[in-house]
Amino acid sequence: MRKIVTALVIDDDPAALFVAKGVLNRVGAVKHIITARNGLEAIQVIQSATDEGLCPELVLIDINMPVMDGFGFVEAVRKLELPCTPILAMLTSSENPTDLEKAHSLHLDGYLPKPLKKKQLQEFLEGTLREE
């Protein structure tokens, strides 16, 4: 499995960010991890990171956040002209079937349950990065 240079984790819960960063570090597939607390902040973070040559290749997105939720973020980021095409995965505790349907309708690369677990992330990355 190739190593991802930059990953972005978007979540308004500091504990969820901490857990996700820890799991990403334990998997060892990511060199840089950046974070944002909502979709709007994430758009700004992506633009800054891209300006520094660190376009996120993997983005883990919470659904329910203030300012801009995960679905709004996905729609907004797809309108940006980025030098990379990020792997987009919802990272959520939502078990709402409507959320799952909407995630599938947006053609996301994955839908990972919280709390993120090492084995789930490894399997997701191995399957996703193998397809490239």
Protein backbone atom coordinates (compact mmCIF):
# COMPACT_ATOMS: atom_id res chain seq x y z
CA MET A 1 0.00 0.00 0.00
CA ARG A 2 1.38 3.39 -0.96
CA LYS A 3 1.75 6.05 1.71
CA ILE A 4 -0.60 9.03 1.73
CA VAL A 5 1.27 12.31 2.07
CA THR A 6 -1.53 14.37 3.64
CA ALA A 7 -4.82 13.44 5.32
CA LEU A 8 -7.49 15.84 6.57
CA VAL A 9 -9.83 14.92 9.42
CA ILE A 10 -12.94 17.12 9.79
CA ASP A 11 -14.88 16.89 13.05
CA ASP A 12 -16.23 19.37 15.59
CA ASP A 13 -15.54 16.95 18.48
CA PRO A 14 -11.96 17.30 19.82
CA ALA A 15 -12.06 13.75 21.23
CA ALA A 16 -13.06 12.31 17.83
CA LEU A 17 -10.24 14.27 16.16
CA PHE A 18 -7.77 12.90 18.74
CA VAL A 19 -8.92 9.31 18.18
CA ALA A 20 -8.86 9.60 14.38
CA LYS A 21 -5.37 11.14 14.39
CA GLY A 22 -4.14 8.39 16.71
CA VAL A 23 -5.54 5.64 14.49
CA LEU A 24 -4.09 7.24 11.36
CA ASN A 25 -0.71 7.38 13.08
CA ARG A 26 -0.93 3.73 14.23
CA VAL A 27 -1.81 2.55 10.72
CA GLY A 28 1.30 4.35 9.49
CA ALA A 29 -0.14 5.13 6.06
CA VAL A 30 -0.11 8.93 6.40
CA LYS A 31 2.81 11.34 6.62
CA HIS A 32 0.94 14.58 7.54
CA ILE A 33 -2.40 14.89 9.34
CA ILE A 34 -4.29 18.18 9.36
CA THR A 35 -7.63 18.90 10.99
CA ALA A 36 -10.65 21.18 10.75
CA ARG A 37 -13.70 21.64 12.99
CA ASN A 38 -16.33 22.10 10.28
CA GLY A 39 -16.75 21.99 6.52
CA LEU A 40 -16.14 25.68 5.93
CA GLU A 41 -12.91 25.65 7.94
CA ALA A 42 -11.91 22.50 6.04
CA ILE A 43 -12.29 24.27 2.69
CA GLN A 44 -9.94 27.00 3.96
CA VAL A 45 -7.51 24.39 5.33
CA ILE A 46 -7.48 22.53 2.00
CA GLN A 47 -6.78 25.74 0.09
CA SER A 48 -3.90 26.65 2.44
CA ALA A 49 -2.46 23.14 2.42
CA THR A 50 -2.69 22.99 -1.37
CA ASP A 51 -0.83 26.31 -1.62
CA GLU A 52 1.93 24.64 0.44
CA GLY A 53 2.00 21.59 -1.83
CA LEU A 54 0.12 19.36 0.63
CA CYS A 55 -3.20 18.73 -1.11
CA PRO A 56 -5.02 16.19 1.11
CA GLU A 57 -5.23 12.80 -0.57
CA LEU A 58 -7.53 11.41 2.14
CA VAL A 59 -10.37 13.30 3.83
CA LEU A 60 -12.34 11.81 6.73
CA ILE A 61 -15.54 13.80 7.26
CA ASP A 62 -18.02 13.92 10.12
CA ILE A 63 -21.62 14.41 8.99
CA ASN A 64 -23.08 16.58 11.75
CA MET A 65 -21.07 19.75 12.33
CA PRO A 66 -21.90 23.42 12.82
CA VAL A 67 -21.39 26.04 10.09
CA MET A 68 -21.13 23.50 7.22
CA ASP A 69 -21.96 19.82 7.65
CA GLY A 70 -20.17 16.94 5.98
CA PHE A 71 -22.51 16.74 3.03
CA GLY A 72 -22.16 20.46 2.34
CA PHE A 73 -18.40 20.08 2.51
CA VAL A 74 -18.38 17.24 -0.03
CA GLU A 75 -20.46 19.28 -2.46
CA ALA A 76 -18.24 22.36 -1.96
CA VAL A 77 -14.89 20.57 -2.24
CA ARG A 78 -15.90 18.93 -5.50
CA LYS A 79 -16.34 22.40 -7.00
CA LEU A 80 -12.73 23.33 -6.18
CA GLU A 81 -10.01 22.86 -8.73
CA LEU A 82 -7.55 20.82 -6.68
CA PRO A 83 -4.28 19.36 -7.94
CA CYS A 84 -5.29 16.02 -6.38
CA THR A 85 -8.48 14.00 -6.17
CA PRO A 86 -8.94 13.16 -2.50
CA ILE A 87 -10.36 9.91 -1.19
CA LEU A 88 -13.52 11.04 0.61
CA ALA A 89 -14.97 8.99 3.48
CA MET A 90 -17.65 9.81 6.02
CA LEU A 91 -16.47 9.14 9.56
CA THR A 92 -19.60 9.24 11.66
CA SER A 93 -21.58 7.80 14.53
CA SER A 94 -24.81 8.30 12.56
CA GLU A 95 -26.79 5.13 11.96
CA ASN A 96 -29.51 7.05 10.15
CA PRO A 97 -30.38 5.24 6.89
CA THR A 98 -30.99 8.62 5.24
CA ASP A 99 -27.38 9.63 5.96
CA LEU A 100 -26.10 6.38 4.47
CA GLU A 101 -28.29 6.86 1.38
CA LYS A 102 -27.08 10.44 0.95
CA ALA A 103 -23.44 9.36 1.34
CA HIS A 104 -23.95 6.72 -1.36
CA SER A 105 -25.68 9.24 -3.63
CA LEU A 106 -22.62 11.49 -3.33
CA HIS A 107 -20.43 8.57 -4.49
CA LEU A 108 -18.13 8.72 -1.49
CA ASP A 109 -15.28 6.28 -1.24
CA GLY A 110 -16.30 5.03 2.19
CA TYR A 111 -18.54 5.27 5.24
CA LEU A 112 -16.60 4.50 8.43
CA PRO A 113 -18.21 4.24 11.87
CA LYS A 114 -17.00 6.15 14.92
CA PRO A 115 -14.97 5.53 16.87
CA LEU A 116 -12.47 4.83 14.11
CA LYS A 117 -10.67 1.54 14.58
CA LYS A 118 -7.29 0.55 13.18
CA LYS A 119 -8.51 -2.62 11.44
CA GLN A 120 -11.41 -0.80 9.70
CA LEU A 121 -9.12 1.98 8.50
CA GLN A 122 -6.48 -0.46 7.27
CA GLU A 123 -9.05 -2.49 5.31
CA PHE A 124 -10.57 0.67 3.84
CA LEU A 125 -7.18 2.08 2.79
CA GLU A 126 -5.95 -1.22 1.38
CA GLY A 127 -9.10 -1.57 -0.72
CA THR A 128 -9.19 2.06 -1.82
CA LEU A 129 -5.50 2.52 -2.57
CA ARG A 130 -5.37 -0.79 -4.46
CA GLU A 131 -8.04 0.51 -6.86
CA GLU A 132 -5.91 3.47 -7.98
